Amino acid sequence: MVRASVALPAVLGVVLLAAFFAAPAADPPDEYLVVAEQNQTATAPTAYGDLAAGDRAAFDAALANDGSVRYVGETYPDGVEFPSGGDRTSVTEQRVEYESTAYDLRFVYEPTFPDSAGVLRTLGSLVGGVLSLAYAGYRAATA
């Protein structure tokens, strides 16, 4: 007959390990920011009509949102190319002339990282599960 001093830690260990595999810490989606600011000293700006369709849509969205628009994940317009900075923030910039006004148009890639609480919770589940199963095995061996 299985004793409670063995069964309870074994069940707890299995539940904790199942939680570790069922809900691992996931990376949140990266963020992409488009900023359009007036620049009176811009030299040789690109005409608004010469922008690619995606860049034009992002520029319009930024102007409509007080000069900036943030995209979470890859929800930005098709054809927009953000810099790939790997694990650090990256920025590309171009000058745009729109309705006789020059703008700096910046495309900012902002990588995001898992929060420490989520990682600790996931690792705690793994360690707790392993320790509970080890304790149950020890209790079964000494019983």
N, C-alpha and C. Protein backbone atom coordinates (compact mmCIF):
# COMPACT_ATOMS: atom_id res chain seq x y z
N MET A 1 0.84 -1.17 0.00
CA MET A 1 0.00 0.00 0.00
C MET A 1 0.89 1.25 0.00
N VAL A 2 0.54 2.21 -0.80
CA VAL A 2 1.31 3.44 -0.91
C VAL A 2 0.96 4.33 0.27
N ARG A 3 1.96 4.82 0.92
CA ARG A 3 1.75 5.68 2.08
C ARG A 3 1.58 7.13 1.63
N ALA A 4 0.89 7.90 2.44
CA ALA A 4 0.65 9.32 2.13
C ALA A 4 1.95 10.11 2.09
N SER A 5 2.94 9.70 2.90
CA SER A 5 4.22 10.42 2.93
C SER A 5 4.99 10.23 1.62
N VAL A 6 4.60 9.26 0.82
CA VAL A 6 5.21 9.06 -0.50
C VAL A 6 4.30 9.61 -1.60
N ALA A 7 3.00 9.35 -1.46
CA ALA A 7 2.07 9.72 -2.53
C ALA A 7 1.92 11.24 -2.67
N LEU A 8 1.80 11.96 -1.57
CA LEU A 8 1.59 13.40 -1.65
C LEU A 8 2.76 14.13 -2.31
N PRO A 9 4.01 13.88 -1.91
CA PRO A 9 5.12 14.56 -2.61
C PRO A 9 5.23 14.12 -4.08
N ALA A 10 4.90 12.87 -4.37
CA ALA A 10 4.97 12.39 -5.75
C ALA A 10 3.93 13.11 -6.62
N VAL A 11 2.71 13.23 -6.10
CA VAL A 11 1.66 13.93 -6.85
C VAL A 11 2.02 15.40 -7.01
N LEU A 12 2.52 16.03 -5.95
CA LEU A 12 2.93 17.44 -6.03
C LEU A 12 4.05 17.61 -7.06
N GLY A 13 5.01 16.70 -7.06
CA GLY A 13 6.11 16.77 -8.03
C GLY A 13 5.62 16.66 -9.47
N VAL A 14 4.69 15.74 -9.70
CA VAL A 14 4.15 15.57 -11.05
C VAL A 14 3.37 16.82 -11.47
N VAL A 15 2.59 17.39 -10.57
CA VAL A 15 1.82 18.60 -10.88
C VAL A 15 2.77 19.76 -11.20
N LEU A 16 3.80 19.94 -10.40
CA LEU A 16 4.74 21.03 -10.64
C LEU A 16 5.49 20.85 -11.96
N LEU A 17 5.91 19.63 -12.25
CA LEU A 17 6.58 19.39 -13.54
C LEU A 17 5.62 19.59 -14.71
N ALA A 18 4.37 19.18 -14.55
CA ALA A 18 3.39 19.41 -15.61
C ALA A 18 3.17 20.90 -15.83
N ALA A 19 3.15 21.67 -14.74
CA ALA A 19 2.99 23.13 -14.87
C ALA A 19 4.19 23.73 -15.61
N PHE A 20 5.38 23.21 -15.35
CA PHE A 20 6.58 23.70 -16.03
C PHE A 20 6.47 23.46 -17.54
N PHE A 21 6.03 22.28 -17.93
CA PHE A 21 5.95 21.97 -19.36
C PHE A 21 4.72 22.58 -20.03
N ALA A 22 3.63 22.75 -19.28
CA ALA A 22 2.40 23.29 -19.86
C ALA A 22 2.46 24.79 -20.08
N ALA A 23 3.16 25.50 -19.20
CA ALA A 23 3.18 26.97 -19.30
C ALA A 23 4.60 27.50 -19.09
N PRO A 24 5.48 27.25 -20.07
CA PRO A 24 6.85 27.76 -19.92
C PRO A 24 6.87 29.28 -20.06
N ALA A 25 7.91 29.88 -19.54
CA ALA A 25 8.07 31.34 -19.68
C ALA A 25 8.25 31.65 -21.15
N ALA A 26 7.43 32.54 -21.67
CA ALA A 26 7.47 32.87 -23.09
C ALA A 26 8.01 34.29 -23.27
N ASP A 27 8.70 34.50 -24.36
CA ASP A 27 9.18 35.84 -24.68
C ASP A 27 8.01 36.69 -25.12
N PRO A 28 7.87 37.89 -24.53
CA PRO A 28 6.82 38.79 -25.03
C PRO A 28 7.20 39.28 -26.42
N PRO A 29 6.23 39.70 -27.21
CA PRO A 29 6.55 40.17 -28.56
C PRO A 29 7.37 41.45 -28.52
N ASP A 30 8.25 41.60 -29.50
CA ASP A 30 9.05 42.81 -29.61
C ASP A 30 8.15 43.99 -29.96
N GLU A 31 8.65 45.19 -29.70
CA GLU A 31 7.88 46.39 -30.00
C GLU A 31 8.60 47.19 -31.09
N TYR A 32 7.79 47.83 -31.93
CA TYR A 32 8.29 48.62 -33.03
C TYR A 32 7.65 50.00 -32.93
N LEU A 33 8.46 51.03 -33.01
CA LEU A 33 7.98 52.40 -32.84
C LEU A 33 8.30 53.20 -34.09
N VAL A 34 7.33 53.97 -34.56
CA VAL A 34 7.53 54.88 -35.68
C VAL A 34 7.29 56.29 -35.15
N VAL A 35 8.28 57.17 -35.34
CA VAL A 35 8.19 58.54 -34.84
C VAL A 35 8.36 59.49 -36.03
N ALA A 36 7.45 60.46 -36.13
CA ALA A 36 7.54 61.50 -37.16
C ALA A 36 7.59 62.85 -36.45
N GLU A 37 8.72 63.55 -36.58
CA GLU A 37 8.90 64.85 -35.95
C GLU A 37 9.29 65.88 -36.99
N GLN A 38 8.76 67.08 -36.84
CA GLN A 38 9.12 68.15 -37.76
C GLN A 38 10.60 68.50 -37.58
N ASN A 39 11.24 68.82 -38.71
CA ASN A 39 12.65 69.20 -38.70
C ASN A 39 12.83 70.32 -39.72
N GLN A 40 13.04 71.53 -39.25
CA GLN A 40 13.17 72.68 -40.15
C GLN A 40 14.49 72.68 -40.91
N THR A 41 15.49 71.96 -40.43
CA THR A 41 16.81 72.00 -41.07
C THR A 41 17.11 70.76 -41.90
N ALA A 42 16.12 69.95 -42.18
CA ALA A 42 16.35 68.72 -42.95
C ALA A 42 16.84 69.06 -44.34
N THR A 43 17.86 68.35 -44.78
CA THR A 43 18.39 68.55 -46.13
C THR A 43 18.02 67.36 -47.00
N ALA A 44 17.65 67.63 -48.20
CA ALA A 44 17.30 66.62 -49.20
C ALA A 44 16.29 65.60 -48.71
N PRO A 45 15.11 66.05 -48.23
CA PRO A 45 14.11 65.08 -47.78
C PRO A 45 13.49 64.35 -48.97
N THR A 46 13.00 63.15 -48.70
CA THR A 46 12.29 62.36 -49.69
C THR A 46 10.85 62.88 -49.76
N ALA A 47 10.35 63.03 -50.95
CA ALA A 47 8.96 63.48 -51.11
C ALA A 47 8.02 62.40 -50.57
N TYR A 48 6.94 62.81 -49.94
CA TYR A 48 5.96 61.89 -49.36
C TYR A 48 5.48 60.88 -50.40
N GLY A 49 5.25 61.35 -51.61
CA GLY A 49 4.76 60.47 -52.67
C GLY A 49 5.76 59.42 -53.10
N ASP A 50 7.05 59.64 -52.80
CA ASP A 50 8.09 58.67 -53.18
C ASP A 50 8.32 57.60 -52.11
N LEU A 51 7.65 57.71 -50.99
CA LEU A 51 7.79 56.69 -49.95
C LEU A 51 7.14 55.39 -50.39
N ALA A 52 7.65 54.28 -49.91
CA ALA A 52 7.02 52.98 -50.14
C ALA A 52 5.66 52.98 -49.45
N ALA A 53 4.75 52.17 -49.91
CA ALA A 53 3.39 52.15 -49.38
C ALA A 53 3.36 51.88 -47.88
N GLY A 54 4.17 50.94 -47.41
CA GLY A 54 4.21 50.63 -45.98
C GLY A 54 4.75 51.79 -45.16
N ASP A 55 5.82 52.42 -45.65
CA ASP A 55 6.40 53.57 -44.96
C ASP A 55 5.39 54.72 -44.91
N ARG A 56 4.67 54.91 -45.99
CA ARG A 56 3.67 55.97 -46.05
C ARG A 56 2.55 55.70 -45.02
N ALA A 57 2.10 54.44 -44.92
CA ALA A 57 1.06 54.08 -43.95
C ALA A 57 1.55 54.28 -42.52
N ALA A 58 2.80 53.91 -42.24
CA ALA A 58 3.36 54.11 -40.91
C ALA A 58 3.51 55.60 -40.59
N PHE A 59 3.94 56.40 -41.57
CA PHE A 59 4.07 57.83 -41.40
C PHE A 59 2.71 58.46 -41.11
N ASP A 60 1.70 58.08 -41.88
CA ASP A 60 0.35 58.60 -41.66
C ASP A 60 -0.17 58.23 -40.27
N ALA A 61 0.08 56.99 -39.84
CA ALA A 61 -0.37 56.56 -38.51
C ALA A 61 0.34 57.35 -37.42
N ALA A 62 1.63 57.61 -37.60
CA ALA A 62 2.38 58.39 -36.61
C ALA A 62 1.84 59.81 -36.52
N LEU A 63 1.59 60.43 -37.68
CA LEU A 63 1.04 61.79 -37.66
C LEU A 63 -0.34 61.83 -37.01
N ALA A 64 -1.14 60.81 -37.25
CA ALA A 64 -2.48 60.76 -36.68
C ALA A 64 -2.46 60.54 -35.17
N ASN A 65 -1.37 60.02 -34.65
CA ASN A 65 -1.24 59.71 -33.21
C ASN A 65 -0.24 60.63 -32.52
N ASP A 66 -0.30 61.91 -32.80
CA ASP A 66 0.57 62.91 -32.16
C ASP A 66 2.06 62.65 -32.38
N GLY A 67 2.42 62.13 -33.52
CA GLY A 67 3.83 62.01 -33.88
C GLY A 67 4.47 60.66 -33.67
N SER A 68 3.76 59.71 -33.10
CA SER A 68 4.37 58.39 -32.94
C SER A 68 3.29 57.31 -32.89
N VAL A 69 3.68 56.13 -33.30
CA VAL A 69 2.79 54.97 -33.23
C VAL A 69 3.64 53.77 -32.85
N ARG A 70 3.10 52.95 -31.94
CA ARG A 70 3.81 51.77 -31.45
C ARG A 70 3.09 50.51 -31.94
N TYR A 71 3.86 49.60 -32.48
CA TYR A 71 3.33 48.32 -32.94
C TYR A 71 3.90 47.23 -32.03
N VAL A 72 3.04 46.34 -31.54
CA VAL A 72 3.46 45.24 -30.70
C VAL A 72 3.46 43.99 -31.56
N GLY A 73 4.57 43.29 -31.57
CA GLY A 73 4.70 42.16 -32.48
C GLY A 73 4.84 42.68 -33.90
N GLU A 74 4.66 41.84 -34.84
CA GLU A 74 4.81 42.26 -36.23
C GLU A 74 3.47 42.68 -36.82
N THR A 75 2.83 43.65 -36.18
CA THR A 75 1.54 44.15 -36.63
C THR A 75 1.66 45.41 -37.47
N TYR A 76 2.87 45.83 -37.74
CA TYR A 76 3.09 47.05 -38.52
C TYR A 76 2.73 46.80 -39.99
N PRO A 77 2.52 47.88 -40.77
CA PRO A 77 2.11 47.73 -42.17
C PRO A 77 3.12 46.93 -42.99
N ASP A 78 2.61 46.20 -43.97
CA ASP A 78 3.48 45.43 -44.86
C ASP A 78 4.44 46.36 -45.58
N GLY A 79 5.65 45.91 -45.74
CA GLY A 79 6.64 46.67 -46.49
C GLY A 79 7.50 47.58 -45.63
N VAL A 80 7.14 47.77 -44.37
CA VAL A 80 7.97 48.59 -43.47
C VAL A 80 9.13 47.74 -43.01
N GLU A 81 10.32 48.27 -43.11
CA GLU A 81 11.50 47.53 -42.68
C GLU A 81 12.11 48.21 -41.47
N PHE A 82 12.04 47.52 -40.35
CA PHE A 82 12.67 48.02 -39.14
C PHE A 82 14.07 47.47 -39.07
N PRO A 83 14.96 48.17 -38.39
CA PRO A 83 16.33 47.65 -38.25
C PRO A 83 16.30 46.39 -37.40
N SER A 84 17.23 45.51 -37.64
CA SER A 84 17.31 44.30 -36.81
C SER A 84 18.50 44.48 -35.89
N GLY A 85 18.22 44.74 -34.65
CA GLY A 85 19.28 45.00 -33.69
C GLY A 85 19.61 43.83 -32.81
N GLY A 86 18.98 42.71 -33.06
CA GLY A 86 19.24 41.55 -32.22
C GLY A 86 18.69 41.76 -30.82
N ASP A 87 19.58 41.93 -29.86
CA ASP A 87 19.13 42.07 -28.47
C ASP A 87 19.26 43.50 -27.96
N ARG A 88 19.34 44.47 -28.86
CA ARG A 88 19.43 45.86 -28.41
C ARG A 88 18.57 46.75 -29.31
N THR A 89 18.22 47.91 -28.79
CA THR A 89 17.39 48.86 -29.53
C THR A 89 18.15 49.36 -30.75
N SER A 90 17.48 49.41 -31.89
CA SER A 90 18.08 49.90 -33.13
C SER A 90 17.16 50.93 -33.76
N VAL A 91 17.76 51.90 -34.45
CA VAL A 91 17.01 52.98 -35.05
C VAL A 91 17.50 53.21 -36.47
N THR A 92 16.56 53.39 -37.40
CA THR A 92 16.90 53.91 -38.73
C THR A 92 16.07 55.18 -38.92
N GLU A 93 16.59 56.06 -39.74
CA GLU A 93 15.94 57.36 -39.89
C GLU A 93 15.98 57.79 -41.35
N GLN A 94 14.94 58.49 -41.75
CA GLN A 94 14.93 59.11 -43.07
C GLN A 94 14.19 60.44 -42.98
N ARG A 95 14.47 61.31 -43.93
CA ARG A 95 13.83 62.62 -43.98
C ARG A 95 12.70 62.57 -44.99
N VAL A 96 11.56 63.17 -44.64
CA VAL A 96 10.38 63.15 -45.49
C VAL A 96 9.84 64.57 -45.61
N GLU A 97 9.43 64.94 -46.82
CA GLU A 97 8.75 66.22 -47.01
C GLU A 97 7.29 65.93 -47.25
N TYR A 98 6.45 66.50 -46.39
CA TYR A 98 5.00 66.29 -46.46
C TYR A 98 4.32 67.63 -46.30
N GLU A 99 3.52 68.00 -47.27
CA GLU A 99 2.80 69.27 -47.28
C GLU A 99 3.72 70.45 -46.94
N SER A 100 4.82 70.55 -47.66
CA SER A 100 5.82 71.62 -47.53
C SER A 100 6.48 71.70 -46.16
N THR A 101 6.43 70.61 -45.41
CA THR A 101 7.10 70.56 -44.11
C THR A 101 8.01 69.33 -44.10
N ALA A 102 9.22 69.52 -43.57
CA ALA A 102 10.17 68.41 -43.47
C ALA A 102 9.98 67.68 -42.14
N TYR A 103 10.07 66.37 -42.20
CA TYR A 103 9.93 65.53 -41.01
C TYR A 103 11.10 64.56 -40.93
N ASP A 104 11.50 64.25 -39.71
CA ASP A 104 12.39 63.12 -39.46
C ASP A 104 11.48 61.93 -39.19
N LEU A 105 11.66 60.87 -39.94
CA LEU A 105 10.87 59.66 -39.77
C LEU A 105 11.81 58.58 -39.23
N ARG A 106 11.58 58.18 -37.96
CA ARG A 106 12.44 57.18 -37.33
C ARG A 106 11.69 55.88 -37.14
N PHE A 107 12.37 54.81 -37.44
CA PHE A 107 11.85 53.45 -37.23
C PHE A 107 12.70 52.84 -36.12
N VAL A 108 12.08 52.53 -34.99
CA VAL A 108 12.80 52.05 -33.81
C VAL A 108 12.37 50.63 -33.49
N TYR A 109 13.35 49.75 -33.39
CA TYR A 109 13.10 48.36 -32.98
C TYR A 109 13.47 48.26 -31.51
N GLU A 110 12.52 47.84 -30.67
CA GLU A 110 12.75 47.71 -29.24
C GLU A 110 12.50 46.26 -28.81
N PRO A 111 13.57 45.49 -28.63
CA PRO A 111 13.36 44.11 -28.20
C PRO A 111 12.84 44.07 -26.77
N THR A 112 12.02 43.09 -26.46
CA THR A 112 11.52 42.91 -25.10
C THR A 112 12.00 41.55 -24.59
N PHE A 113 12.11 41.46 -23.31
CA PHE A 113 12.64 40.25 -22.69
C PHE A 113 11.63 39.73 -21.67
N PRO A 114 11.68 38.43 -21.38
CA PRO A 114 10.74 37.89 -20.40
C PRO A 114 10.93 38.59 -19.05
N ASP A 115 9.85 38.78 -18.34
CA ASP A 115 9.97 39.40 -17.02
C ASP A 115 10.59 38.40 -16.06
N SER A 116 11.32 38.91 -15.09
CA SER A 116 12.04 38.03 -14.17
C SER A 116 11.08 37.20 -13.32
N ALA A 117 9.91 37.74 -13.00
CA ALA A 117 8.95 36.98 -12.19
C ALA A 117 8.48 35.73 -12.94
N GLY A 118 8.22 35.86 -14.24
CA GLY A 118 7.80 34.70 -15.03
C GLY A 118 8.87 33.64 -15.13
N VAL A 119 10.10 34.08 -15.30
CA VAL A 119 11.21 33.12 -15.39
C VAL A 119 11.40 32.43 -14.05
N LEU A 120 11.37 33.19 -12.96
CA LEU A 120 11.54 32.59 -11.63
C LEU A 120 10.40 31.62 -11.30
N ARG A 121 9.18 31.98 -11.69
CA ARG A 121 8.04 31.11 -11.45
C ARG A 121 8.21 29.79 -12.21
N THR A 122 8.65 29.88 -13.45
CA THR A 122 8.84 28.68 -14.26
C THR A 122 9.97 27.82 -13.71
N LEU A 123 11.09 28.44 -13.37
CA LEU A 123 12.21 27.67 -12.81
C LEU A 123 11.85 27.10 -11.44
N GLY A 124 11.08 27.84 -10.65
CA GLY A 124 10.63 27.34 -9.35
C GLY A 124 9.76 26.11 -9.50
N SER A 125 8.92 26.12 -10.51
CA SER A 125 8.07 24.96 -10.77
C SER A 125 8.92 23.74 -11.12
N LEU A 126 9.94 23.95 -11.95
CA LEU A 126 10.82 22.84 -12.33
C LEU A 126 11.59 22.31 -11.11
N VAL A 127 12.22 23.20 -10.37
CA VAL A 127 13.01 22.78 -9.22
C VAL A 127 12.11 22.14 -8.16
N GLY A 128 10.96 22.76 -7.89
CA GLY A 128 10.03 22.19 -6.92
C GLY A 128 9.55 20.81 -7.30
N GLY A 129 9.26 20.62 -8.59
CA GLY A 129 8.82 19.31 -9.06
C GLY A 129 9.89 18.25 -8.91
N VAL A 130 11.11 18.59 -9.28
CA VAL A 130 12.22 17.63 -9.18
C VAL A 130 12.48 17.29 -7.72
N LEU A 131 12.51 18.31 -6.86
CA LEU A 131 12.77 18.06 -5.43
C LEU A 131 11.65 17.24 -4.80
N SER A 132 10.40 17.52 -5.15
CA SER A 132 9.28 16.74 -4.60
C SER A 132 9.35 15.29 -5.03
N LEU A 133 9.67 15.05 -6.29
CA LEU A 133 9.80 13.66 -6.76
C LEU A 133 11.00 12.97 -6.11
N ALA A 134 12.08 13.69 -5.92
CA ALA A 134 13.25 13.09 -5.26
C ALA A 134 12.91 12.74 -3.81
N TYR A 135 12.19 13.63 -3.14
CA TYR A 135 11.79 13.35 -1.76
C TYR A 135 10.86 12.15 -1.70
N ALA A 136 9.90 12.08 -2.64
CA ALA A 136 9.00 10.92 -2.67
C ALA A 136 9.79 9.63 -2.91
N GLY A 137 10.76 9.68 -3.78
CA GLY A 137 11.59 8.50 -4.02
C GLY A 137 12.39 8.12 -2.80
N TYR A 138 12.92 9.11 -2.10
CA TYR A 138 13.67 8.85 -0.87
C TYR A 138 12.76 8.21 0.18
N ARG A 139 11.53 8.75 0.34
CA ARG A 139 10.59 8.21 1.33
C ARG A 139 10.19 6.78 0.96
N ALA A 140 10.04 6.52 -0.33
CA ALA A 140 9.65 5.16 -0.75
C ALA A 140 10.80 4.18 -0.49
N ALA A 141 12.05 4.64 -0.68
CA ALA A 141 13.20 3.77 -0.48
C ALA A 141 13.44 3.48 1.00
N THR A 142 13.11 4.42 1.86
CA THR A 142 13.38 4.23 3.28
C THR A 142 12.18 3.65 4.04
N ALA A 143 11.07 3.48 3.34
CA ALA A 143 9.87 2.96 4.01
C ALA A 143 9.90 1.47 4.17
